[in-house]
PDB file of N, CA and C in Angstrom:
ATOM      1  N   MET A   1     -79.529  10.390 129.093  1.00  0.00           N
ATOM      2  CA  MET A   1     -79.411   9.103 128.202  1.00  0.00           C
ATOM      3  C   MET A   1     -78.322   8.270 128.166  1.00  0.00           C
ATOM      4  N   ALA A   2     -78.197   7.049 128.720  1.00  0.00           N
ATOM      5  CA  ALA A   2     -76.757   6.565 128.641  1.00  0.00           C
ATOM      6  C   ALA A   2     -76.624   5.567 127.482  1.00  0.00           C
ATOM      7  N   THR A   3     -75.330   5.622 126.927  1.00  0.00           N
ATOM      8  CA  THR A   3     -75.203   5.036 125.552  1.00  0.00           C
ATOM      9  C   THR A   3     -74.039   3.792 125.928  1.00  0.00           C
ATOM     10  N   SER A   4     -73.614   2.947 125.085  1.00  0.00           N
ATOM     11  CA  SER A   4     -72.938   1.886 125.524  1.00  0.00           C
ATOM     12  C   SER A   4     -71.592   2.554 124.873  1.00  0.00           C
ATOM     13  N   LEU A   5     -70.365   2.087 125.619  1.00  0.00           N
ATOM     14  CA  LEU A   5     -69.022   2.082 124.776  1.00  0.00           C
ATOM     15  C   LEU A   5     -69.067   1.345 123.633  1.00  0.00           C
ATOM     16  N   ARG A   6     -68.367   1.901 122.500  1.00  0.00           N
ATOM     17  CA  ARG A   6     -68.006   1.080 121.289  1.00  0.00           C
ATOM     18  C   ARG A   6     -67.215  -0.053 121.481  1.00  0.00           C
ATOM     19  N   GLY A   7     -67.922  -1.029 121.177  1.00  0.00           N
ATOM     20  CA  GLY A   7     -67.068  -2.286 121.018  1.00  0.00           C
ATOM     21  C   GLY A   7     -66.728  -2.727 122.312  1.00  0.00           C
ATOM     22  N   ALA A   8     -67.265  -2.422 123.630  1.00  0.00           N
ATOM     23  CA  ALA A   8     -67.309  -3.220 125.029  1.00  0.00           C
ATOM     24  C   ALA A   8     -68.324  -4.107 125.104  1.00  0.00           C
ATOM     25  N   PRO A   9     -68.101  -5.328 125.316  1.00  0.00           N
ATOM     26  CA  PRO A   9     -69.444  -5.984 125.565  1.00  0.00           C
ATOM     27  C   PRO A   9     -69.663  -6.189 127.128  1.00  0.00           C
ATOM     28  N   TRP A  10     -69.076  -5.575 128.046  1.00  0.00           N
ATOM     29  CA  TRP A  10     -69.605  -5.411 129.454  1.00  0.00           C
ATOM     30  C   TRP A  10     -70.607  -4.742 129.997  1.00  0.00           C
ATOM     31  N   ALA A  11     -71.291  -5.203 130.613  1.00  0.00           N
ATOM     32  CA  ALA A  11     -72.462  -4.663 131.247  1.00  0.00           C
ATOM     33  C   ALA A  11     -72.308  -3.348 132.270  1.00  0.00           C
ATOM     34  N   PHE A  12     -70.726  -3.384 132.417  1.00  0.00           N
ATOM     35  CA  PHE A  12     -70.867  -2.109 133.433  1.00  0.00           C
ATOM     36  C   PHE A  12     -70.193  -0.802 132.548  1.00  0.00           C
ATOM     37  N   ALA A  13     -70.097  -0.950 131.256  1.00  0.00           N
ATOM     38  CA  ALA A  13     -69.623  -0.121 130.487  1.00  0.00           C
ATOM     39  C   ALA A  13     -70.527   0.856 129.819  1.00  0.00           C
ATOM     40  N   GLN A  14     -71.285   1.314 130.450  1.00  0.00           N
ATOM     41  CA  GLN A  14     -72.326   2.189 129.839  1.00  0.00           C
ATOM     42  C   GLN A  14     -72.054   3.667 130.614  1.00  0.00           C
ATOM     43  N   ALA A  15     -72.038   4.800 129.603  1.00  0.00           N
ATOM     44  CA  ALA A  15     -71.849   5.889 129.946  1.00  0.00           C
ATOM     45  C   ALA A  15     -72.967   6.426 131.038  1.00  0.00           C
ATOM     46  N   ILE A  16     -72.203   6.608 132.286  1.00  0.00           N
ATOM     47  CA  ILE A  16     -73.327   7.107 133.333  1.00  0.00           C
ATOM     48  C   ILE A  16     -72.600   8.609 133.995  1.00  0.00           C
ATOM     49  N   SER A  17     -73.412   9.714 134.078  1.00  0.00           N
ATOM     50  CA  SER A  17     -73.008  11.124 134.537  1.00  0.00           C
ATOM     51  C   SER A  17     -72.857  11.142 136.051  1.00  0.00           C
ATOM     52  N   VAL A  18     -71.666  11.386 136.160  1.00  0.00           N
ATOM     53  CA  VAL A  18     -71.328  11.816 137.583  1.00  0.00           C
ATOM     54  C   VAL A  18     -71.158  13.037 138.076  1.00  0.00           C
ATOM     55  N   GLN A  19     -71.966  13.658 138.998  1.00  0.00           N
ATOM     56  CA  GLN A  19     -72.067  14.985 139.113  1.00  0.00           C
ATOM     57  C   GLN A  19     -71.388  15.305 140.327  1.00  0.00           C
ATOM     58  N   THR A  20     -70.522  16.415 140.282  1.00  0.00           N
ATOM     59  CA  THR A  20     -69.413  17.019 141.486  1.00  0.00           C
ATOM     60  C   THR A  20     -70.391  17.931 141.780  1.00  0.00           C
ATOM     61  N   LEU A  21     -69.591  18.846 142.666  1.00  0.00           N
ATOM     62  CA  LEU A  21     -70.502  19.770 143.416  1.00  0.00           C
ATOM     63  C   LEU A  21     -70.363  21.192 142.633  1.00  0.00           C
ATOM     64  N   SER A  22     -69.162  21.253 141.598  1.00  0.00           N
ATOM     65  CA  SER A  22     -69.436  22.173 140.709  1.00  0.00           C
ATOM     66  C   SER A  22     -69.894  21.579 139.160  1.00  0.00           C
ATOM     67  N   PRO A  23     -70.774  22.212 138.604  1.00  0.00           N
ATOM     68  CA  PRO A  23     -71.350  21.366 137.270  1.00  0.00           C
ATOM     69  C   PRO A  23     -70.405  21.794 136.376  1.00  0.00           C
ATOM     70  N   ARG A  24     -69.241  22.397 136.198  1.00  0.00           N
ATOM     71  CA  ARG A  24     -68.352  22.553 135.562  1.00  0.00           C
ATOM     72  C   ARG A  24     -67.674  20.860 135.185  1.00  0.00           C
ATOM     73  N   ARG A  25     -67.587  20.381 136.585  1.00  0.00           N
ATOM     74  CA  ARG A  25     -66.713  19.209 136.730  1.00  0.00           C
ATOM     75  C   ARG A  25     -67.268  17.853 136.220  1.00  0.00           C
ATOM     76  N   CYS A  26     -68.428  18.062 135.719  1.00  0.00           N
ATOM     77  CA  CYS A  26     -69.361  17.008 135.537  1.00  0.00           C
ATOM     78  C   CYS A  26     -68.683  15.842 134.235  1.00  0.00           C
ATOM     79  N   THR A  27     -68.565  14.798 134.612  1.00  0.00           N
ATOM     80  CA  THR A  27     -67.986  13.914 133.629  1.00  0.00           C
ATOM     81  C   THR A  27     -68.428  12.339 133.492  1.00  0.00           C
ATOM     82  N   THR A  28     -68.228  11.944 132.667  1.00  0.00           N
ATOM     83  CA  THR A  28     -69.069  10.537 132.427  1.00  0.00           C
ATOM     84  C   THR A  28     -68.231   9.321 132.548  1.00  0.00           C
ATOM     85  N   VAL A  29     -68.658   8.315 132.943  1.00  0.00           N
ATOM     86  CA  VAL A  29     -67.638   7.201 132.751  1.00  0.00           C
ATOM     87  C   VAL A  29     -67.255   6.744 131.386  1.00  0.00           C
ATOM     88  N   ARG A  30     -67.825   7.221 130.421  1.00  0.00           N
ATOM     89  CA  ARG A  30     -67.415   6.792 129.119  1.00  0.00           C
ATOM     90  C   ARG A  30     -66.344   7.676 128.728  1.00  0.00           C
ATOM     91  N   GLY A  31     -66.052   8.953 129.102  1.00  0.00           N
ATOM     92  CA  GLY A  31     -64.997   9.856 128.974  1.00  0.00           C
ATOM     93  C   GLY A  31     -63.682   9.104 130.025  1.00  0.00           C
ATOM     94  N   VAL A  32     -63.944   8.542 130.895  1.00  0.00           N
ATOM     95  CA  VAL A  32     -62.842   7.978 131.636  1.00  0.00           C
ATOM     96  C   VAL A  32     -62.349   6.582 131.193  1.00  0.00           C
ATOM     97  N   PHE A  33     -63.004   6.224 130.460  1.00  0.00           N
ATOM     98  CA  PHE A  33     -62.732   4.776 129.778  1.00  0.00           C
ATOM     99  C   PHE A  33     -62.153   5.147 128.365  1.00  0.00           C
ATOM    100  N   GLU A  34     -62.391   6.359 127.969  1.00  0.00           N
ATOM    101  CA  GLU A  34     -61.755   6.765 126.462  1.00  0.00           C
ATOM    102  C   GLU A  34     -60.465   7.460 126.955  1.00  0.00           C
ATOM    103  N   ILE A  35     -60.133   8.205 128.040  1.00  0.00           N
ATOM    104  CA  ILE A  35     -58.938   8.584 128.567  1.00  0.00           C
ATOM    105  C   ILE A  35     -57.927   7.394 128.820  1.00  0.00           C
ATOM    106  N   LEU A  36     -58.457   6.660 129.634  1.00  0.00           N
ATOM    107  CA  LEU A  36     -57.442   5.879 130.203  1.00  0.00           C
ATOM    108  C   LEU A  36     -57.291   4.608 129.170  1.00  0.00           C
ATOM    109  N   GLY A  37     -58.066   4.183 128.152  1.00  0.00           N
ATOM    110  CA  GLY A  37     -57.996   3.058 127.269  1.00  0.00           C
ATOM    111  C   GLY A  37     -58.577   1.973 127.657  1.00  0.00           C
ATOM    112  N   LEU A  38     -59.292   1.822 128.632  1.00  0.00           N
ATOM    113  CA  LEU A  38     -59.656   0.635 129.433  1.00  0.00           C
ATOM    114  C   LEU A  38     -60.631  -0.494 128.699  1.00  0.00           C
ATOM    115  N   ASP A  39     -61.346  -0.033 127.304  1.00  0.00           N
ATOM    116  CA  ASP A  39     -62.003  -0.723 126.590  1.00  0.00           C
ATOM    117  C   ASP A  39     -60.725  -1.617 125.734  1.00  0.00           C
ATOM    118  N   ALA A  40     -59.857  -0.905 125.332  1.00  0.00           N
ATOM    119  CA  ALA A  40     -58.590  -1.698 124.429  1.00  0.00           C
ATOM    120  C   ALA A  40     -57.617  -2.509 125.525  1.00  0.00           C
ATOM    121  N   LEU A  41     -57.580  -2.086 126.522  1.00  0.00           N
ATOM    122  CA  LEU A  41     -57.040  -2.801 127.976  1.00  0.00           C
ATOM    123  C   LEU A  41     -57.662  -4.097 128.362  1.00  0.00           C
ATOM    124  N   PHE A  42     -58.859  -3.946 128.177  1.00  0.00           N
ATOM    125  CA  PHE A  42     -59.519  -5.323 128.809  1.00  0.00           C
ATOM    126  C   PHE A  42     -59.804  -6.308 127.533  1.00  0.00           C
ATOM    127  N   ALA A  43     -59.545  -5.845 126.321  1.00  0.00           N
ATOM    128  CA  ALA A  43     -59.435  -7.131 125.138  1.00  0.00           C
ATOM    129  C   ALA A  43     -58.233  -7.347 125.063  1.00  0.00           C
ATOM    130  N   GLU A  44     -56.960  -6.563 125.043  1.00  0.00           N
ATOM    131  CA  GLU A  44     -55.612  -7.287 124.887  1.00  0.00           C
ATOM    132  C   GLU A  44     -55.572  -7.914 126.364  1.00  0.00           C
ATOM    133  N   MET A  45     -56.271  -7.737 127.498  1.00  0.00           N
ATOM    134  CA  MET A  45     -55.820  -8.539 128.844  1.00  0.00           C
ATOM    135  C   MET A  45     -56.220  -9.987 128.419  1.00  0.00           C
ATOM    136  N   VAL A  46     -57.711  -9.986 127.380  1.00  0.00           N
ATOM    137  CA  VAL A  46     -58.383 -11.641 127.189  1.00  0.00           C
ATOM    138  C   VAL A  46     -57.670 -12.191 126.166  1.00  0.00           C
ATOM    139  N   LEU A  47     -57.006 -11.340 125.283  1.00  0.00           N
ATOM    140  CA  LEU A  47     -56.181 -11.917 124.322  1.00  0.00           C
ATOM    141  C   LEU A  47     -54.575 -12.766 124.816  1.00  0.00           C
ATOM    142  N   TYR A  48     -54.302 -11.858 125.944  1.00  0.00           N
ATOM    143  CA  TYR A  48     -52.645 -12.282 126.416  1.00  0.00           C
ATOM    144  C   TYR A  48     -53.090 -13.586 127.375  1.00  0.00           C
ATOM    145  N   LEU A  49     -54.231 -13.302 128.241  1.00  0.00           N
ATOM    146  CA  LEU A  49     -54.612 -14.534 128.908  1.00  0.00           C
ATOM    147  C   LEU A  49     -54.848 -15.759 128.257  1.00  0.00           C
ATOM    148  N   GLY A  50     -55.527 -15.882 127.111  1.00  0.00           N
ATOM    149  CA  GLY A  50     -55.942 -16.642 126.597  1.00  0.00           C
ATOM    150  C   GLY A  50     -54.733 -17.480 125.683  1.00  0.00           C
ATOM    151  N   LEU A  51     -53.584 -16.466 124.985  1.00  0.00           N
ATOM    152  CA  LEU A  51     -52.394 -16.950 124.610  1.00  0.00           C
ATOM    153  C   LEU A  51     -51.594 -17.756 125.718  1.00  0.00           C
ATOM    154  N   ALA A  52     -51.641 -17.173 127.132  1.00  0.00           N
ATOM    155  CA  ALA A  52     -50.850 -17.963 128.126  1.00  0.00           C
ATOM    156  C   ALA A  52     -51.552 -19.513 128.369  1.00  0.00           C
ATOM    157  N   LEU A  53     -52.693 -19.384 128.333  1.00  0.00           N
ATOM    158  CA  LEU A  53     -53.486 -20.655 128.578  1.00  0.00           C
ATOM    159  C   LEU A  53     -53.066 -21.766 127.723  1.00  0.00           C
ATOM    160  N   ILE A  54     -52.954 -21.131 126.298  1.00  0.00           N
ATOM    161  CA  ILE A  54     -52.505 -21.920 125.052  1.00  0.00           C
ATOM    162  C   ILE A  54     -50.947 -22.387 125.244  1.00  0.00           C
ATOM    163  N   ILE A  55     -50.148 -21.266 125.595  1.00  0.00           N
ATOM    164  CA  ILE A  55     -48.654 -21.985 125.623  1.00  0.00           C
ATOM    165  C   ILE A  55     -48.522 -22.433 126.665  1.00  0.00           C
ATOM    166  N   GLY A  56     -49.097 -22.712 127.818  1.00  0.00           N
ATOM    167  CA  GLY A  56     -48.851 -22.929 129.126  1.00  0.00           C
ATOM    168  C   GLY A  56     -49.526 -24.717 129.262  1.00  0.00           C
ATOM    169  N   ASN A  57     -50.463 -24.560 128.703  1.00  0.00           N
ATOM    170  CA  ASN A  57     -51.316 -26.058 128.697  1.00  0.00           C
ATOM    171  C   ASN A  57     -50.400 -27.080 127.420  1.00  0.00           C
ATOM    172  N   GLY A  58     -50.132 -26.310 126.360  1.00  0.00           N
ATOM    173  CA  GLY A  58     -49.364 -26.720 125.297  1.00  0.00           C
ATOM    174  C   GLY A  58     -47.727 -27.362 125.686  1.00  0.00           C
ATOM    175  N   LEU A  59     -47.336 -26.764 126.475  1.00  0.00           N
ATOM    176  CA  LEU A  59     -46.158 -26.949 127.147  1.00  0.00           C
ATOM    177  C   LEU A  59     -46.010 -28.123 127.947  1.00  0.00           C
ATOM    178  N   ALA A  60     -46.986 -28.010 128.693  1.00  0.00           N
ATOM    179  CA  ALA A  60     -47.381 -28.957 129.651  1.00  0.00           C
ATOM    180  C   ALA A  60     -47.533 -30.574 128.752  1.00  0.00           C
ATOM    181  N   TRP A  61     -48.555 -30.338 128.099  1.00  0.00           N
ATOM    182  CA  TRP A  61     -48.574 -31.370 127.455  1.00  0.00           C
ATOM    183  C   TRP A  61     -47.356 -32.053 126.510  1.00  0.00           C
ATOM    184  N   TRP A  62     -46.434 -31.066 126.111  1.00  0.00           N
ATOM    185  CA  TRP A  62     -45.092 -31.546 125.492  1.00  0.00           C
ATOM    186  C   TRP A  62     -44.468 -32.181 126.318  1.00  0.00           C
ATOM    187  N   LYS A  63     -44.345 -31.645 127.364  1.00  0.00           N
ATOM    188  CA  LYS A  63     -43.434 -32.116 128.558  1.00  0.00           C
ATOM    189  C   LYS A  63     -43.915 -33.511 128.846  1.00  0.00           C
ATOM    190  N   HIS A  64     -44.993 -33.754 128.951  1.00  0.00           N
ATOM    191  CA  HIS A  64     -45.623 -35.065 129.370  1.00  0.00           C
ATOM    192  C   HIS A  64     -45.217 -36.200 128.380  1.00  0.00           C
ATOM    193  N   ARG A  65     -45.612 -35.597 127.067  1.00  0.00           N
ATOM    194  CA  ARG A  65     -45.165 -36.760 126.048  1.00  0.00           C
ATOM    195  C   ARG A  65     -43.868 -36.866 125.811  1.00  0.00           C
ATOM    196  N   ARG A  66     -43.049 -36.081 126.349  1.00  0.00           N
ATOM    197  CA  ARG A  66     -41.473 -36.482 126.251  1.00  0.00           C
ATOM    198  C   ARG A  66     -41.061 -37.068 127.942  1.00  0.00           C
ATOM    199  N   GLY A  67     -42.303 -37.383 128.755  1.00  0.00           N
ATOM    200  CA  GLY A  67     -41.705 -38.267 129.609  1.00  0.00           C
ATOM    201  C   GLY A  67     -41.121 -37.322 130.871  1.00  0.00           C
ATOM    202  N   GLU A  68     -41.100 -36.234 131.078  1.00  0.00           N
ATOM    203  CA  GLU A  68     -40.517 -35.186 131.690  1.00  0.00           C
ATOM    204  C   GLU A  68     -41.805 -34.811 132.786  1.00  0.00           C
ATOM    205  N   ARG A  69     -41.391 -34.639 134.006  1.00  0.00           N
ATOM    206  CA  ARG A  69     -42.001 -34.200 135.303  1.00  0.00           C
ATOM    207  C   ARG A  69     -41.640 -33.222 136.035  1.00  0.00           C
ATOM    208  N   PRO A  70     -42.229 -32.345 136.500  1.00  0.00           N
ATOM    209  CA  PRO A  70     -41.748 -31.213 137.655  1.00  0.00           C
ATOM    210  C   PRO A  70     -40.919 -32.040 138.809  1.00  0.00           C
ATOM    211  N   ALA A  71     -40.247 -31.528 139.400  1.00  0.00           N
ATOM    212  CA  ALA A  71     -39.482 -32.203 140.679  1.00  0.00           C
ATOM    213  C   ALA A  71     -40.800 -31.643 141.676  1.00  0.00           C
ATOM    214  N   GLU A  72     -40.866 -33.015 142.593  1.00  0.00           N
ATOM    215  CA  GLU A  72     -41.559 -32.989 143.473  1.00  0.00           C
ATOM    216  C   GLU A  72     -43.307 -32.767 143.410  1.00  0.00           C
ATOM    217  N   ALA A  73     -43.159 -33.165 142.195  1.00  0.00           N
ATOM    218  CA  ALA A  73     -44.765 -33.000 141.489  1.00  0.00           C
ATOM    219  C   ALA A  73     -45.713 -34.124 142.252  1.00  0.00           C
ATOM    220  N   ALA A  74     -47.134 -33.797 142.689  1.00  0.00           N
ATOM    221  CA  ALA A  74     -47.674 -34.644 143.423  1.00  0.00           C
ATOM    222  C   ALA A  74     -49.056 -34.583 142.279  1.00  0.00           C
ATOM    223  N   GLY A  75     -49.479 -35.874 141.935  1.00  0.00           N
ATOM    224  CA  GLY A  75     -50.948 -36.066 141.183  1.00  0.00           C
ATOM    225  C   GLY A  75     -50.238 -36.636 139.718  1.00  0.00           C
ATOM    226  N   GLU A  76     -51.390 -36.591 139.002  1.00  0.00           N
ATOM    227  CA  GLU A  76     -51.134 -37.608 137.817  1.00  0.00           C
ATOM    228  C   GLU A  76     -51.334 -36.109 136.657  1.00  0.00           C
ATOM    229  N   PHE A  77     -50.956 -36.449 135.194  1.00  0.00           N
ATOM    230  CA  PHE A  77     -51.325 -35.830 134.259  1.00  0.00           C
ATOM    231  C   PHE A  77     -52.530 -35.943 133.521  1.00  0.00           C
ATOM    232  N   ARG A  78     -53.416 -34.959 133.682  1.00  0.00           N
ATOM    233  CA  ARG A  78     -54.803 -35.178 133.290  1.00  0.00           C
ATOM    234  C   ARG A  78     -55.066 -34.629 131.807  1.00  0.00           C
ATOM    235  N   ARG A  79     -55.214 -35.296 130.968  1.00  0.00           N
ATOM    236  CA  ARG A  79     -55.194 -34.939 129.359  1.00  0.00           C
ATOM    237  C   ARG A  79     -56.450 -34.006 129.153  1.00  0.00           C
ATOM    238  N   GLY A  80     -57.405 -34.666 129.886  1.00  0.00           N
ATOM    239  CA  GLY A  80     -58.701 -33.776 129.649  1.00  0.00           C
ATOM    240  C   GLY A  80     -58.718 -32.314 130.133  1.00  0.00           C
ATOM    241  N   ARG A  81     -58.057 -32.235 131.093  1.00  0.00           N
ATOM    242  CA  ARG A  81     -57.996 -30.851 131.621  1.00  0.00           C
ATOM    243  C   ARG A  81     -56.946 -29.979 130.814  1.00  0.00           C
ATOM    244  N   VAL A  82     -56.064 -30.602 130.205  1.00  0.00           N
ATOM    245  CA  VAL A  82     -55.416 -29.402 129.345  1.00  0.00           C
ATOM    246  C   VAL A  82     -55.920 -29.575 128.149  1.00  0.00           C
ATOM    247  N   ILE A  83     -56.766 -30.290 127.092  1.00  0.00           N
ATOM    248  CA  ILE A  83     -57.379 -30.196 126.060  1.00  0.00           C
ATOM    249  C   ILE A  83     -58.528 -29.025 126.529  1.00  0.00           C
ATOM    250  N   PHE A  84     -59.343 -29.391 127.601  1.00  0.00           N
ATOM    251  CA  PHE A  84     -60.327 -28.045 127.887  1.00  0.00           C
ATOM    252  C   PHE A  84     -59.607 -26.918 128.338  1.00  0.00           C
ATOM    253  N   MET A  85     -58.702 -26.880 128.864  1.00  0.00           N
ATOM    254  CA  MET A  85     -57.971 -25.484 129.252  1.00  0.00           C
ATOM    255  C   MET A  85     -57.580 -24.687 128.023  1.00  0.00           C
ATOM    256  N   SER A  86     -56.967 -25.770 126.927  1.00  0.00           N
ATOM    257  CA  SER A  86     -56.470 -25.097 125.873  1.00  0.00           C
ATOM    258  C   SER A  86     -57.638 -24.712 124.779  1.00  0.00           C
ATOM    259  N   LEU A  87     -58.939 -25.370 125.003  1.00  0.00           N
ATOM    260  CA  LEU A  87     -59.955 -24.703 124.152  1.00  0.00           C
ATOM    261  C   LEU A  87     -60.442 -23.369 124.871  1.00  0.00           C
ATOM    262  N   VAL A  88     -60.407 -23.273 125.860  1.00  0.00           N
ATOM    263  CA  VAL A  88     -60.762 -21.950 126.570  1.00  0.00           C
ATOM    264  C   VAL A  88     -59.704 -21.013 126.341  1.00  0.00           C
ATOM    265  N   GLY A  89     -58.391 -21.170 126.186  1.00  0.00           N
ATOM    266  CA  GLY A  89     -57.529 -20.176 125.809  1.00  0.00           C
ATOM    267  C   GLY A  89     -57.759 -19.687 124.357  1.00  0.00           C
ATOM    268  N   VAL A  90     -58.215 -20.598 123.527  1.00  0.00           N
ATOM    269  CA  VAL A  90     -58.261 -20.509 122.165  1.00  0.00           C
ATOM    270  C   VAL A  90     -59.586 -19.691 121.941  1.00  0.00           C
ATOM    271  N   LEU A  91     -60.495 -19.795 122.685  1.00  0.00           N
ATOM    272  CA  LEU A  91     -61.655 -19.063 122.633  1.00  0.00           C
ATOM    273  C   LEU A  91     -61.605 -17.791 123.056  1.00  0.00           C
ATOM    274  N   MET A  92     -60.644 -17.700 124.352  1.00  0.00           N
ATOM    275  CA  MET A  92     -60.283 -16.363 124.597  1.00  0.00           C
ATOM    276  C   MET A  92     -59.428 -15.442 124.029  1.00  0.00           C
ATOM    277  N   ALA A  93     -58.667 -16.274 123.164  1.00  0.00           N
ATOM    278  CA  ALA A  93     -57.418 -15.343 122.025  1.00  0.00           C
ATOM    279  C   ALA A  93     -58.271 -14.516 121.025  1.00  0.00           C
ATOM    280  N   VAL A  94     -58.993 -15.592 120.710  1.00  0.00           N
ATOM    281  CA  VAL A  94     -59.957 -15.238 119.599  1.00  0.00           C
ATOM    282  C   VAL A  94     -61.013 -14.386 119.645  1.00  0.00           C
ATOM    283  N   TRP A  95     -61.624 -14.245 120.805  1.00  0.00           N
ATOM    284  CA  TRP A  95     -62.300 -12.820 121.250  1.00  0.00           C
ATOM    285  C   TRP A  95     -61.579 -11.804 121.345  1.00  0.00           C
ATOM    286  N   GLY A  96     -60.196 -12.133 122.100  1.00  0.00           N
ATOM    287  CA  GLY A  96     -59.745 -10.890 122.401  1.00  0.00           C
ATOM    288  C   GLY A  96     -59.046 -10.243 121.018  1.00  0.00           C
ATOM    289  N   ALA A  97     -58.445 -11.066 119.961  1.00  0.00           N
ATOM    290  CA  ALA A  97     -58.144 -10.517 118.704  1.00  0.00           C
ATOM    291  C   ALA A  97     -59.394  -9.880 117.911  1.00  0.00           C
ATOM    292  N   ALA A  98     -60.619 -10.384 118.129  1.00  0.00           N
ATOM    293  CA  ALA A  98     -61.686 -10.183 117.682  1.00  0.00           C
ATOM    294  C   ALA A  98     -61.956  -8.435 117.968  1.00  0.00           C
ATOM    295  N   SER A  99     -61.756  -8.514 119.147  1.00  0.00           N
ATOM    296  CA  SER A  99     -61.870  -7.276 120.129  1.00  0.00           C
ATOM    297  C   SER A  99     -61.160  -5.958 119.505  1.00  0.00           C
ATOM    298  N   ILE A 100     -59.929  -6.458 119.219  1.00  0.00           N
ATOM    299  CA  ILE A 100     -58.985  -5.582 119.099  1.00  0.00           C
ATOM    300  C   ILE A 100     -58.642  -5.202 117.360  1.00  0.00           C
ATOM    301  N   PHE A 101     -58.864  -6.712 116.632  1.00  0.00           N
ATOM    302  CA  PHE A 101     -58.784  -6.017 115.239  1.00  0.00           C
ATOM    303  C   PHE A 101     -59.948  -5.718 114.233  1.00  0.00           C
ATOM    304  N   GLY A 102     -61.255  -6.386 115.075  1.00  0.00           N
ATOM    305  CA  GLY A 102     -62.417  -6.533 114.262  1.00  0.00           C
ATOM    306  C   GLY A 102     -63.023  -5.004 114.181  1.00  0.00           C
ATOM    307  N   PRO A 103     -64.097  -5.010 113.260  1.00  0.00           N
ATOM    308  CA  PRO A 103     -64.742  -3.405 113.025  1.00  0.00           C
ATOM    309  C   PRO A 103     -64.733  -2.914 114.323  1.00  0.00           C
ATOM    310  N   ALA A 104     -64.874  -1.435 114.385  1.00  0.00           N
ATOM    311  CA  ALA A 104     -65.497  -0.758 115.378  1.00  0.00           C
ATOM    312  C   ALA A 104     -66.795  -0.714 115.268  1.00  0.00           C
ATOM    313  N   GLY A 105     -67.598  -0.794 116.099  1.00  0.00           N
ATOM    314  CA  GLY A 105     -69.054  -0.860 115.341  1.00  0.00           C
ATOM    315  C   GLY A 105     -69.673  -0.780 116.990  1.00  0.00           C
TER     316      GLY A 105
END
């Protein structure tokens, strides 16, 4: 019977029995996830990537408002893209924080 990992929303995070040549060395993917702490690692990566999107786009918008441009920059400032990517960053940061600090259920 396959059971899903606690708090992991990913479809591949179900416990799967892996049989080796020796019956004593049978392990599960759930055990590997728990040993390596991959469920917490994925949540932290989502949180930090979301924070990086917020900080990076906020800095780009702030520098544009001050009239600064990167040297050798080709193209124009796209306010809509900055707002959209900042909102994606907020969504990712909230999801990651909720996965880390929310109730483990």
